[in-house]
Amino acid sequence: MIDYYENLSTEDKQRVTEAIQALSHQTFLLERRYDRKTKRYQMNKEYYECSKHLEFLKAYFGIMDVEVLENTQMGVIYIRGEQVIGEKLSKLATLYILVLKLIYDEQMSAVSTSVNAMTSLGEIHEKLGTYRLLKKQPSVTEIRRTIALLKRYQLIEPLDVLEEMDGVSRMVIYPTVNVVLMGDDVRALIETYMEGEEEDDESEV
């Protein structure tokens, strides 16, 4: 492993370092990301650097008992393991992820030619209402903070600036949401949240 790294050019060493830092901080790397300015999907150079040096990265992260996985169908490289400690999510962020996964699965079952899906803030809140997962409307600040968090972890890409987001604001759902949660996990978590809400309602009577 050390020999592999030492035999790289100075430029390649820098790129590998940046790839390691990106994976460590972001958990996921997408092959293509939506660019709001051009309104097109752009290739992600960091993804290709990771893919190019994938075996080295697997060995490097393996020392820490962390897996590096690549899903070429979805265009995602990600790390997984008990040592991977992500940011603690608020309840709203967790609920958003659950709903995003549901919407993603629905759209992928209808259209199999794409790995990306689209939704709106209004649709997310409509789903939350349908499953009775949200007792009260969150504040605008809380919504924006949650959207910013999900964008940072490359789960979504808002098509509008955060300050201007409203119910009709559109966003891309990246396939990383499919890695975060599997279908069975979503259903189990939704049932848990619904049971919790019902208990809260009963306690208030």
N, C-alpha and C. Protein backbone atom coordinates (compact mmCIF):
# COMPACT_ATOMS: atom_id res chain seq x y z
N MET A 1 0.83 -1.20 0.00
CA MET A 1 0.00 0.00 0.00
C MET A 1 0.86 1.26 0.00
N ILE A 2 1.91 1.26 0.84
CA ILE A 2 2.81 2.41 0.91
C ILE A 2 3.55 2.57 -0.41
N ASP A 3 3.98 1.45 -0.98
CA ASP A 3 4.70 1.51 -2.26
C ASP A 3 3.82 2.12 -3.35
N TYR A 4 2.55 1.74 -3.35
CA TYR A 4 1.63 2.29 -4.36
C TYR A 4 1.58 3.80 -4.26
N TYR A 5 1.43 4.29 -3.04
CA TYR A 5 1.31 5.73 -2.84
C TYR A 5 2.61 6.44 -3.20
N GLU A 6 3.74 5.90 -2.78
CA GLU A 6 5.04 6.54 -3.03
C GLU A 6 5.38 6.58 -4.52
N ASN A 7 4.85 5.66 -5.28
CA ASN A 7 5.14 5.62 -6.72
C ASN A 7 4.26 6.58 -7.52
N LEU A 8 3.30 7.21 -6.86
CA LEU A 8 2.46 8.19 -7.55
C LEU A 8 3.21 9.50 -7.76
N SER A 9 2.80 10.24 -8.76
CA SER A 9 3.38 11.56 -8.98
C SER A 9 2.91 12.50 -7.87
N THR A 10 3.58 13.61 -7.72
CA THR A 10 3.20 14.59 -6.69
C THR A 10 1.77 15.05 -6.88
N GLU A 11 1.39 15.24 -8.14
CA GLU A 11 0.02 15.68 -8.44
C GLU A 11 -1.00 14.62 -8.06
N ASP A 12 -0.69 13.36 -8.38
CA ASP A 12 -1.61 12.27 -8.04
C ASP A 12 -1.70 12.07 -6.53
N LYS A 13 -0.60 12.26 -5.82
CA LYS A 13 -0.63 12.15 -4.36
C LYS A 13 -1.59 13.17 -3.77
N GLN A 14 -1.53 14.39 -4.30
CA GLN A 14 -2.41 15.44 -3.83
C GLN A 14 -3.87 15.09 -4.10
N ARG A 15 -4.13 14.52 -5.28
CA ARG A 15 -5.50 14.15 -5.63
C ARG A 15 -6.02 13.03 -4.73
N VAL A 16 -5.16 12.07 -4.42
CA VAL A 16 -5.55 10.97 -3.53
C VAL A 16 -5.85 11.51 -2.14
N THR A 17 -5.02 12.43 -1.67
CA THR A 17 -5.25 13.05 -0.36
C THR A 17 -6.59 13.76 -0.33
N GLU A 18 -6.88 14.50 -1.39
CA GLU A 18 -8.16 15.21 -1.47
C GLU A 18 -9.34 14.23 -1.52
N ALA A 19 -9.15 13.09 -2.21
CA ALA A 19 -10.20 12.08 -2.29
C ALA A 19 -10.48 11.47 -0.92
N ILE A 20 -9.41 11.20 -0.16
CA ILE A 20 -9.55 10.65 1.19
C ILE A 20 -10.27 11.64 2.09
N GLN A 21 -9.90 12.90 2.00
CA GLN A 21 -10.54 13.94 2.81
C GLN A 21 -12.02 14.08 2.45
N ALA A 22 -12.32 14.02 1.15
CA ALA A 22 -13.71 14.15 0.70
C ALA A 22 -14.57 13.01 1.23
N LEU A 23 -14.08 11.79 1.12
CA LEU A 23 -14.83 10.63 1.60
C LEU A 23 -15.01 10.68 3.11
N SER A 24 -13.97 11.10 3.82
CA SER A 24 -14.03 11.16 5.28
C SER A 24 -15.06 12.18 5.75
N HIS A 25 -15.14 13.32 5.07
CA HIS A 25 -16.03 14.39 5.50
C HIS A 25 -17.45 14.22 4.99
N GLN A 26 -17.60 13.68 3.79
CA GLN A 26 -18.91 13.64 3.15
C GLN A 26 -19.60 12.28 3.18
N THR A 27 -18.82 11.21 3.44
CA THR A 27 -19.34 9.84 3.46
C THR A 27 -19.66 9.32 2.06
N PHE A 28 -20.25 10.15 1.22
CA PHE A 28 -20.65 9.76 -0.13
C PHE A 28 -19.96 10.64 -1.17
N LEU A 29 -19.67 10.07 -2.33
CA LEU A 29 -19.22 10.84 -3.49
C LEU A 29 -20.06 10.42 -4.68
N LEU A 30 -20.63 11.38 -5.36
CA LEU A 30 -21.48 11.12 -6.52
C LEU A 30 -20.70 11.24 -7.81
N GLU A 31 -21.03 10.38 -8.76
CA GLU A 31 -20.40 10.46 -10.08
C GLU A 31 -20.82 11.72 -10.81
N ARG A 32 -22.08 12.09 -10.66
CA ARG A 32 -22.60 13.29 -11.32
C ARG A 32 -23.42 14.11 -10.32
N ARG A 33 -23.21 15.42 -10.36
CA ARG A 33 -23.97 16.32 -9.50
C ARG A 33 -24.65 17.39 -10.35
N TYR A 34 -25.82 17.80 -9.88
CA TYR A 34 -26.58 18.81 -10.63
C TYR A 34 -25.99 20.19 -10.37
N ASP A 35 -25.73 20.92 -11.46
CA ASP A 35 -25.21 22.27 -11.36
C ASP A 35 -26.35 23.26 -11.62
N ARG A 36 -26.66 24.07 -10.61
CA ARG A 36 -27.80 24.97 -10.70
C ARG A 36 -27.59 26.05 -11.76
N LYS A 37 -26.35 26.46 -11.98
CA LYS A 37 -26.07 27.52 -12.94
C LYS A 37 -26.30 27.06 -14.37
N THR A 38 -25.78 25.89 -14.70
CA THR A 38 -25.91 25.38 -16.07
C THR A 38 -27.19 24.58 -16.26
N LYS A 39 -27.83 24.19 -15.12
CA LYS A 39 -29.04 23.36 -15.14
C LYS A 39 -28.78 22.02 -15.82
N ARG A 40 -27.58 21.51 -15.59
CA ARG A 40 -27.19 20.22 -16.16
C ARG A 40 -26.41 19.43 -15.11
N TYR A 41 -26.34 18.12 -15.34
CA TYR A 41 -25.53 17.28 -14.46
C TYR A 41 -24.07 17.35 -14.92
N GLN A 42 -23.18 17.56 -13.95
CA GLN A 42 -21.75 17.67 -14.24
C GLN A 42 -21.01 16.49 -13.63
N MET A 43 -19.98 16.03 -14.34
CA MET A 43 -19.15 14.95 -13.82
C MET A 43 -18.37 15.44 -12.59
N ASN A 44 -18.25 14.58 -11.60
CA ASN A 44 -17.55 14.91 -10.36
C ASN A 44 -16.13 14.33 -10.40
N LYS A 45 -15.12 15.20 -10.46
CA LYS A 45 -13.73 14.75 -10.58
C LYS A 45 -13.29 13.91 -9.38
N GLU A 46 -13.78 14.27 -8.20
CA GLU A 46 -13.40 13.53 -6.99
C GLU A 46 -13.85 12.07 -7.06
N TYR A 47 -15.02 11.85 -7.67
CA TYR A 47 -15.52 10.48 -7.81
C TYR A 47 -14.55 9.65 -8.65
N TYR A 48 -14.11 10.22 -9.77
CA TYR A 48 -13.23 9.48 -10.67
C TYR A 48 -11.84 9.26 -10.07
N GLU A 49 -11.39 10.19 -9.24
CA GLU A 49 -10.12 9.99 -8.55
C GLU A 49 -10.24 8.82 -7.57
N CYS A 50 -11.36 8.76 -6.87
CA CYS A 50 -11.59 7.65 -5.95
C CYS A 50 -11.70 6.32 -6.69
N SER A 51 -12.42 6.34 -7.79
CA SER A 51 -12.59 5.12 -8.58
C SER A 51 -11.26 4.64 -9.15
N LYS A 52 -10.43 5.58 -9.57
CA LYS A 52 -9.13 5.27 -10.15
C LYS A 52 -8.21 4.60 -9.13
N HIS A 53 -8.27 5.06 -7.89
CA HIS A 53 -7.40 4.54 -6.83
C HIS A 53 -8.19 3.73 -5.81
N LEU A 54 -9.26 3.09 -6.25
CA LEU A 54 -10.19 2.43 -5.34
C LEU A 54 -9.54 1.37 -4.47
N GLU A 55 -8.69 0.54 -5.06
CA GLU A 55 -8.06 -0.55 -4.28
C GLU A 55 -7.17 0.02 -3.18
N PHE A 56 -6.45 1.11 -3.50
CA PHE A 56 -5.61 1.75 -2.49
C PHE A 56 -6.47 2.32 -1.37
N LEU A 57 -7.58 2.98 -1.74
CA LEU A 57 -8.47 3.56 -0.74
C LEU A 57 -9.10 2.48 0.14
N LYS A 58 -9.43 1.34 -0.46
CA LYS A 58 -9.99 0.24 0.33
C LYS A 58 -8.98 -0.24 1.37
N ALA A 59 -7.70 -0.34 0.96
CA ALA A 59 -6.66 -0.77 1.89
C ALA A 59 -6.43 0.28 2.97
N TYR A 60 -6.44 1.56 2.56
CA TYR A 60 -6.20 2.65 3.51
C TYR A 60 -7.29 2.70 4.58
N PHE A 61 -8.55 2.73 4.14
CA PHE A 61 -9.65 2.80 5.10
C PHE A 61 -9.82 1.47 5.85
N GLY A 62 -9.37 0.37 5.22
CA GLY A 62 -9.49 -0.93 5.86
C GLY A 62 -8.70 -1.01 7.16
N ILE A 63 -7.63 -0.23 7.27
CA ILE A 63 -6.85 -0.20 8.50
C ILE A 63 -7.72 0.25 9.68
N MET A 64 -8.68 1.14 9.38
CA MET A 64 -9.59 1.65 10.41
C MET A 64 -10.88 0.83 10.47
N ASP A 65 -10.88 -0.31 9.78
CA ASP A 65 -12.05 -1.20 9.73
C ASP A 65 -13.25 -0.49 9.10
N VAL A 66 -12.96 0.30 8.04
CA VAL A 66 -13.99 1.00 7.30
C VAL A 66 -13.98 0.51 5.85
N GLU A 67 -15.15 0.16 5.34
CA GLU A 67 -15.27 -0.30 3.96
C GLU A 67 -15.43 0.87 3.00
N VAL A 68 -14.82 0.74 1.82
CA VAL A 68 -15.06 1.69 0.73
C VAL A 68 -15.79 0.92 -0.36
N LEU A 69 -17.00 1.34 -0.68
CA LEU A 69 -17.84 0.62 -1.63
C LEU A 69 -18.17 1.50 -2.82
N GLU A 70 -18.27 0.89 -3.98
CA GLU A 70 -18.65 1.61 -5.19
C GLU A 70 -19.85 0.93 -5.82
N ASN A 71 -20.89 1.71 -6.05
CA ASN A 71 -22.07 1.23 -6.76
C ASN A 71 -22.10 1.94 -8.10
N THR A 72 -21.62 1.26 -9.13
CA THR A 72 -21.52 1.90 -10.45
C THR A 72 -22.88 2.14 -11.08
N GLN A 73 -23.87 1.33 -10.72
CA GLN A 73 -25.21 1.52 -11.27
C GLN A 73 -25.81 2.84 -10.80
N MET A 74 -25.61 3.15 -9.53
CA MET A 74 -26.13 4.41 -8.99
C MET A 74 -25.14 5.55 -9.14
N GLY A 75 -23.88 5.21 -9.41
CA GLY A 75 -22.86 6.24 -9.51
C GLY A 75 -22.51 6.84 -8.16
N VAL A 76 -22.25 5.96 -7.17
CA VAL A 76 -21.94 6.41 -5.81
C VAL A 76 -20.77 5.62 -5.24
N ILE A 77 -19.82 6.31 -4.64
CA ILE A 77 -18.76 5.69 -3.84
C ILE A 77 -18.98 6.17 -2.41
N TYR A 78 -18.95 5.24 -1.46
CA TYR A 78 -19.22 5.63 -0.08
C TYR A 78 -18.45 4.75 0.90
N ILE A 79 -18.35 5.23 2.12
CA ILE A 79 -17.68 4.47 3.17
C ILE A 79 -18.72 3.97 4.16
N ARG A 80 -18.42 2.81 4.77
CA ARG A 80 -19.37 2.20 5.70
C ARG A 80 -18.60 1.46 6.78
N GLY A 81 -19.08 1.57 8.00
CA GLY A 81 -18.44 0.87 9.11
C GLY A 81 -18.78 1.51 10.43
N GLU A 82 -18.52 0.79 11.52
CA GLU A 82 -18.84 1.31 12.84
C GLU A 82 -18.02 2.55 13.18
N GLN A 83 -16.87 2.68 12.54
CA GLN A 83 -16.01 3.82 12.82
C GLN A 83 -16.46 5.09 12.10
N VAL A 84 -17.40 4.94 11.18
CA VAL A 84 -17.89 6.10 10.43
C VAL A 84 -18.95 6.78 11.27
N ILE A 85 -18.59 7.91 11.84
CA ILE A 85 -19.50 8.64 12.72
C ILE A 85 -20.01 9.87 12.00
N GLY A 86 -21.26 9.85 11.65
CA GLY A 86 -21.85 10.99 10.95
C GLY A 86 -22.39 12.02 11.91
N GLU A 87 -22.88 13.08 11.36
CA GLU A 87 -23.46 14.15 12.16
C GLU A 87 -24.79 13.69 12.74
N LYS A 88 -25.04 14.06 13.99
CA LYS A 88 -26.30 13.70 14.62
C LYS A 88 -27.43 14.46 13.95
N LEU A 89 -28.43 13.71 13.49
CA LEU A 89 -29.53 14.32 12.75
C LEU A 89 -30.67 14.72 13.67
N SER A 90 -31.29 15.84 13.34
CA SER A 90 -32.49 16.25 14.06
C SER A 90 -33.65 15.34 13.62
N LYS A 91 -34.75 15.40 14.37
CA LYS A 91 -35.91 14.59 14.00
C LYS A 91 -36.42 14.99 12.63
N LEU A 92 -36.43 16.31 12.35
CA LEU A 92 -36.93 16.77 11.07
C LEU A 92 -36.07 16.25 9.92
N ALA A 93 -34.75 16.27 10.09
CA ALA A 93 -33.85 15.76 9.06
C ALA A 93 -34.10 14.28 8.81
N THR A 94 -34.28 13.53 9.89
CA THR A 94 -34.56 12.09 9.76
C THR A 94 -35.88 11.84 9.01
N LEU A 95 -36.89 12.63 9.34
CA LEU A 95 -38.18 12.48 8.67
C LEU A 95 -38.08 12.86 7.20
N TYR A 96 -37.34 13.90 6.90
CA TYR A 96 -37.13 14.29 5.51
C TYR A 96 -36.48 13.15 4.72
N ILE A 97 -35.46 12.53 5.31
CA ILE A 97 -34.76 11.43 4.63
C ILE A 97 -35.72 10.27 4.37
N LEU A 98 -36.55 9.94 5.35
CA LEU A 98 -37.53 8.87 5.17
C LEU A 98 -38.45 9.16 3.99
N VAL A 99 -38.96 10.37 3.94
CA VAL A 99 -39.89 10.74 2.87
C VAL A 99 -39.17 10.81 1.53
N LEU A 100 -37.96 11.33 1.51
CA LEU A 100 -37.18 11.39 0.27
C LEU A 100 -36.95 10.00 -0.30
N LYS A 101 -36.70 9.05 0.59
CA LYS A 101 -36.51 7.67 0.16
C LYS A 101 -37.79 7.09 -0.44
N LEU A 102 -38.92 7.38 0.18
CA LEU A 102 -40.20 6.91 -0.34
C LEU A 102 -40.46 7.48 -1.74
N ILE A 103 -40.24 8.78 -1.89
CA ILE A 103 -40.47 9.44 -3.18
C ILE A 103 -39.51 8.90 -4.23
N TYR A 104 -38.26 8.70 -3.83
CA TYR A 104 -37.26 8.17 -4.75
C TYR A 104 -37.69 6.79 -5.26
N ASP A 105 -38.09 5.91 -4.35
CA ASP A 105 -38.50 4.56 -4.73
C ASP A 105 -39.71 4.59 -5.66
N GLU A 106 -40.67 5.46 -5.36
CA GLU A 106 -41.86 5.57 -6.20
C GLU A 106 -41.50 5.97 -7.63
N GLN A 107 -40.62 6.95 -7.76
CA GLN A 107 -40.25 7.44 -9.08
C GLN A 107 -39.37 6.45 -9.83
N MET A 108 -38.50 5.76 -9.12
CA MET A 108 -37.64 4.78 -9.78
C MET A 108 -38.43 3.56 -10.27
N SER A 109 -39.50 3.23 -9.56
CA SER A 109 -40.31 2.08 -10.00
C SER A 109 -41.10 2.43 -11.25
N ALA A 110 -41.33 3.73 -11.46
CA ALA A 110 -42.08 4.17 -12.64
C ALA A 110 -41.18 4.45 -13.83
N VAL A 111 -39.96 4.93 -13.55
CA VAL A 111 -39.01 5.28 -14.62
C VAL A 111 -37.68 4.64 -14.30
N SER A 112 -37.28 3.67 -15.10
CA SER A 112 -36.05 2.93 -14.83
C SER A 112 -34.85 3.44 -15.61
N THR A 113 -35.01 4.53 -16.35
CA THR A 113 -33.92 5.02 -17.19
C THR A 113 -33.07 6.08 -16.51
N SER A 114 -33.37 6.39 -15.25
CA SER A 114 -32.61 7.42 -14.54
C SER A 114 -32.36 6.97 -13.11
N VAL A 115 -31.27 7.49 -12.51
CA VAL A 115 -30.99 7.19 -11.10
C VAL A 115 -31.31 8.39 -10.22
N ASN A 116 -31.77 9.47 -10.82
CA ASN A 116 -32.11 10.67 -10.06
C ASN A 116 -33.61 10.93 -10.12
N ALA A 117 -34.12 11.47 -9.03
CA ALA A 117 -35.54 11.78 -8.94
C ALA A 117 -35.70 13.25 -8.55
N MET A 118 -36.91 13.76 -8.72
CA MET A 118 -37.20 15.15 -8.39
C MET A 118 -38.38 15.21 -7.42
N THR A 119 -38.36 16.23 -6.57
CA THR A 119 -39.48 16.44 -5.67
C THR A 119 -39.55 17.93 -5.34
N SER A 120 -40.48 18.27 -4.47
CA SER A 120 -40.61 19.66 -4.03
C SER A 120 -40.79 19.67 -2.52
N LEU A 121 -40.56 20.81 -1.93
CA LEU A 121 -40.74 20.94 -0.49
C LEU A 121 -42.19 20.68 -0.11
N GLY A 122 -43.11 21.12 -0.98
CA GLY A 122 -44.52 20.88 -0.73
C GLY A 122 -44.87 19.40 -0.72
N GLU A 123 -44.27 18.64 -1.66
CA GLU A 123 -44.54 17.20 -1.73
C GLU A 123 -44.00 16.49 -0.50
N ILE A 124 -42.83 16.92 -0.03
CA ILE A 124 -42.25 16.32 1.17
C ILE A 124 -43.19 16.49 2.35
N HIS A 125 -43.70 17.72 2.53
CA HIS A 125 -44.57 17.98 3.67
C HIS A 125 -45.94 17.31 3.50
N GLU A 126 -46.36 17.14 2.26
CA GLU A 126 -47.61 16.41 2.01
C GLU A 126 -47.47 14.95 2.44
N LYS A 127 -46.33 14.35 2.12
CA LYS A 127 -46.07 12.97 2.53
C LYS A 127 -46.00 12.85 4.05
N LEU A 128 -45.34 13.81 4.67
CA LEU A 128 -45.25 13.80 6.13
C LEU A 128 -46.65 13.84 6.75
N GLY A 129 -47.54 14.64 6.14
CA GLY A 129 -48.91 14.73 6.63
C GLY A 129 -49.67 13.45 6.40
N THR A 130 -49.46 12.82 5.23
CA THR A 130 -50.15 11.57 4.90
C THR A 130 -49.84 10.47 5.92
N TYR A 131 -48.59 10.40 6.32
CA TYR A 131 -48.17 9.37 7.28
C TYR A 131 -48.25 9.85 8.73
N ARG A 132 -48.79 11.04 8.91
CA ARG A 132 -48.94 11.62 10.25
C ARG A 132 -47.63 11.62 11.03
N LEU A 133 -46.57 12.06 10.34
CA LEU A 133 -45.25 12.05 10.95
C LEU A 133 -44.84 13.40 11.52
N LEU A 134 -45.61 14.42 11.22
CA LEU A 134 -45.25 15.77 11.67
C LEU A 134 -46.46 16.41 12.36
N LYS A 135 -46.33 16.67 13.65
CA LYS A 135 -47.46 17.19 14.41
C LYS A 135 -47.67 18.68 14.18
N LYS A 136 -46.57 19.42 13.98
CA LYS A 136 -46.70 20.86 13.76
C LYS A 136 -45.72 21.31 12.68
N GLN A 137 -46.07 22.38 12.02
CA GLN A 137 -45.24 22.90 10.94
C GLN A 137 -43.93 23.44 11.50
N PRO A 138 -42.78 22.96 10.99
CA PRO A 138 -41.49 23.48 11.47
C PRO A 138 -41.28 24.92 11.01
N SER A 139 -40.42 25.62 11.69
CA SER A 139 -40.14 27.00 11.34
C SER A 139 -39.36 27.07 10.03
N VAL A 140 -39.40 28.20 9.37
CA VAL A 140 -38.65 28.40 8.13
C VAL A 140 -37.16 28.19 8.36
N THR A 141 -36.67 28.68 9.49
CA THR A 141 -35.24 28.52 9.81
C THR A 141 -34.87 27.05 9.94
N GLU A 142 -35.73 26.27 10.61
CA GLU A 142 -35.47 24.84 10.80
C GLU A 142 -35.50 24.11 9.46
N ILE A 143 -36.42 24.47 8.59
CA ILE A 143 -36.51 23.84 7.27
C ILE A 143 -35.26 24.13 6.46
N ARG A 144 -34.84 25.39 6.43
CA ARG A 144 -33.65 25.77 5.67
C ARG A 144 -32.41 25.09 6.20
N ARG A 145 -32.31 24.99 7.53
CA ARG A 145 -31.15 24.33 8.14
C ARG A 145 -31.13 22.85 7.76
N THR A 146 -32.29 22.23 7.72
CA THR A 146 -32.38 20.81 7.36
C THR A 146 -32.03 20.59 5.89
N ILE A 147 -32.55 21.43 5.01
CA ILE A 147 -32.25 21.33 3.59
C ILE A 147 -30.75 21.52 3.35
N ALA A 148 -30.14 22.48 4.05
CA ALA A 148 -28.71 22.73 3.91
C ALA A 148 -27.90 21.51 4.35
N LEU A 149 -28.33 20.85 5.42
CA LEU A 149 -27.64 19.65 5.91
C LEU A 149 -27.71 18.52 4.89
N LEU A 150 -28.90 18.27 4.34
CA LEU A 150 -29.07 17.19 3.37
C LEU A 150 -28.32 17.49 2.07
N LYS A 151 -28.20 18.76 1.72
CA LYS A 151 -27.41 19.15 0.55
C LYS A 151 -25.93 18.88 0.80
N ARG A 152 -25.46 19.21 2.02
CA ARG A 152 -24.04 19.01 2.33
C ARG A 152 -23.65 17.53 2.25
N TYR A 153 -24.58 16.65 2.65
CA TYR A 153 -24.29 15.22 2.58
C TYR A 153 -24.70 14.61 1.24
N GLN A 154 -24.97 15.46 0.25
CA GLN A 154 -25.25 15.03 -1.11
C GLN A 154 -26.43 14.07 -1.23
N LEU A 155 -27.45 14.33 -0.42
CA LEU A 155 -28.69 13.57 -0.53
C LEU A 155 -29.66 14.28 -1.46
N ILE A 156 -29.57 15.60 -1.50
CA ILE A 156 -30.43 16.40 -2.38
C ILE A 156 -29.63 17.54 -2.99
N GLU A 157 -30.21 18.15 -4.01
CA GLU A 157 -29.67 19.38 -4.60
C GLU A 157 -30.82 20.33 -4.86
N PRO A 158 -31.00 21.34 -4.00
CA PRO A 158 -32.07 22.31 -4.23
C PRO A 158 -31.85 23.07 -5.53
N LEU A 159 -32.92 23.33 -6.26
CA LEU A 159 -32.82 24.07 -7.51
C LEU A 159 -33.02 25.57 -7.30
N ASP A 160 -33.33 25.95 -6.07
CA ASP A 160 -33.48 27.36 -5.71
C ASP A 160 -32.55 27.66 -4.54
N VAL A 161 -32.19 28.92 -4.38
CA VAL A 161 -31.36 29.30 -3.24
C VAL A 161 -32.18 29.12 -1.96
N LEU A 162 -31.51 28.75 -0.86
CA LEU A 162 -32.22 28.41 0.36
C LEU A 162 -33.10 29.54 0.87
N GLU A 163 -32.63 30.78 0.70
CA GLU A 163 -33.38 31.92 1.21
C GLU A 163 -34.71 32.12 0.48
N GLU A 164 -34.84 31.52 -0.70
CA GLU A 164 -36.05 31.72 -1.49
C GLU A 164 -36.92 30.47 -1.56
N MET A 165 -36.61 29.47 -0.77
CA MET A 165 -37.35 28.22 -0.85
C MET A 165 -38.75 28.36 -0.25
N ASP A 166 -39.72 27.76 -0.95
CA ASP A 166 -41.09 27.70 -0.46
C ASP A 166 -41.70 26.37 -0.88
N GLY A 167 -43.00 26.23 -0.78
CA GLY A 167 -43.65 24.96 -1.07
C GLY A 167 -43.45 24.42 -2.46
N VAL A 168 -43.25 25.31 -3.43
CA VAL A 168 -43.10 24.86 -4.82
C VAL A 168 -41.64 24.67 -5.20
N SER A 169 -40.72 24.96 -4.29
CA SER A 169 -39.29 24.82 -4.58
C SER A 169 -38.95 23.38 -4.91
N ARG A 170 -38.25 23.21 -6.02
CA ARG A 170 -37.91 21.87 -6.50
C ARG A 170 -36.51 21.47 -6.03
N MET A 171 -36.27 20.17 -5.97
CA MET A 171 -34.95 19.66 -5.61
C MET A 171 -34.72 18.29 -6.23
N VAL A 172 -33.47 18.01 -6.54
CA VAL A 172 -33.07 16.70 -7.04
C VAL A 172 -32.83 15.79 -5.85
N ILE A 173 -33.32 14.56 -5.94
CA ILE A 173 -33.01 13.54 -4.92
C ILE A 173 -31.91 12.66 -5.50
N TYR A 174 -30.76 12.68 -4.88
CA TYR A 174 -29.63 11.88 -5.37
C TYR A 174 -29.78 10.42 -4.95
N PRO A 175 -29.17 9.49 -5.69
CA PRO A 175 -29.26 8.07 -5.36
C PRO A 175 -28.61 7.70 -4.03
N THR A 176 -27.87 8.62 -3.43
CA THR A 176 -27.28 8.35 -2.12
C THR A 176 -28.34 8.03 -1.08
N VAL A 177 -29.56 8.55 -1.27
CA VAL A 177 -30.63 8.27 -0.32
C VAL A 177 -30.95 6.78 -0.33
N ASN A 178 -30.66 6.12 -1.43
CA ASN A 178 -30.90 4.68 -1.55
C ASN A 178 -29.85 3.88 -0.78
N VAL A 179 -28.70 4.51 -0.53
CA VAL A 179 -27.63 3.86 0.24
C VAL A 179 -27.86 4.06 1.73
N VAL A 180 -28.36 5.23 2.09
CA VAL A 180 -28.60 5.55 3.50
C VAL A 180 -29.67 4.65 4.10
N LEU A 181 -30.75 4.43 3.34
CA LEU A 181 -31.87 3.64 3.84
C LEU A 181 -32.33 2.64 2.79
N MET A 182 -32.57 1.41 3.25
CA MET A 182 -33.17 0.41 2.40
C MET A 182 -34.69 0.47 2.58
N GLY A 183 -35.42 -0.11 1.66
CA GLY A 183 -36.87 -0.05 1.69
C GLY A 183 -37.48 -0.56 2.98
N ASP A 184 -37.00 -1.70 3.49
CA ASP A 184 -37.53 -2.27 4.72
C ASP A 184 -37.25 -1.37 5.91
N ASP A 185 -36.06 -0.74 5.91
CA ASP A 185 -35.72 0.18 6.99
C ASP A 185 -36.69 1.34 7.03
N VAL A 186 -37.05 1.86 5.87
CA VAL A 186 -37.96 2.99 5.79
C VAL A 186 -39.31 2.64 6.39
N ARG A 187 -39.85 1.50 5.98
CA ARG A 187 -41.17 1.10 6.48
C ARG A 187 -41.15 0.90 7.99
N ALA A 188 -40.09 0.28 8.50
CA ALA A 188 -39.99 0.05 9.95
C ALA A 188 -39.88 1.36 10.71
N LEU A 189 -39.09 2.30 10.20
CA LEU A 189 -38.93 3.58 10.87
C LEU A 189 -40.22 4.40 10.84
N ILE A 190 -40.92 4.36 9.71
CA ILE A 190 -42.18 5.10 9.60
C ILE A 190 -43.19 4.57 10.63
N GLU A 191 -43.26 3.23 10.74
CA GLU A 191 -44.18 2.64 11.71
C GLU A 191 -43.82 3.06 13.13
N THR A 192 -42.50 3.12 13.41
CA THR A 192 -42.04 3.52 14.74
C THR A 192 -42.45 4.96 15.03
N TYR A 193 -42.22 5.85 14.06
CA TYR A 193 -42.59 7.25 14.25
C TYR A 193 -44.10 7.43 14.38
N MET A 194 -44.86 6.66 13.58
CA MET A 194 -46.32 6.77 13.65
C MET A 194 -46.82 6.32 15.02
N GLU A 195 -46.22 5.23 15.55
CA GLU A 195 -46.61 4.75 16.87
C GLU A 195 -46.29 5.78 17.93
N GLY A 196 -45.12 6.45 17.76
CA GLY A 196 -44.72 7.46 18.73
C GLY A 196 -45.67 8.64 18.72
N GLU A 197 -46.12 9.05 17.52
CA GLU A 197 -47.06 10.17 17.42
C GLU A 197 -48.40 9.81 18.04
N GLU A 198 -48.83 8.54 17.85
CA GLU A 198 -50.11 8.12 18.40
C GLU A 198 -50.05 8.13 19.93
N GLU A 199 -48.90 7.69 20.49
CA GLU A 199 -48.74 7.70 21.94
C GLU A 199 -48.77 9.12 22.47
N ASP A 200 -48.14 10.06 21.74
CA ASP A 200 -48.15 11.46 22.14
C ASP A 200 -49.58 12.00 22.15
N ASP A 201 -50.35 11.64 21.10
CA ASP A 201 -51.73 12.11 21.01
C ASP A 201 -52.56 11.60 22.18
N GLU A 202 -52.35 10.30 22.52
CA GLU A 202 -53.12 9.71 23.60
C GLU A 202 -52.78 10.36 24.93
N SER A 203 -51.51 10.71 25.12
CA SER A 203 -51.08 11.29 26.38
C SER A 203 -51.62 12.70 26.58
N GLU A 204 -52.00 13.34 25.47
CA GLU A 204 -52.50 14.71 25.54
C GLU A 204 -53.99 14.76 25.78
N VAL A 205 -54.66 13.63 25.64
CA VAL A 205 -56.13 13.59 25.80
C VAL A 205 -56.50 13.73 27.28
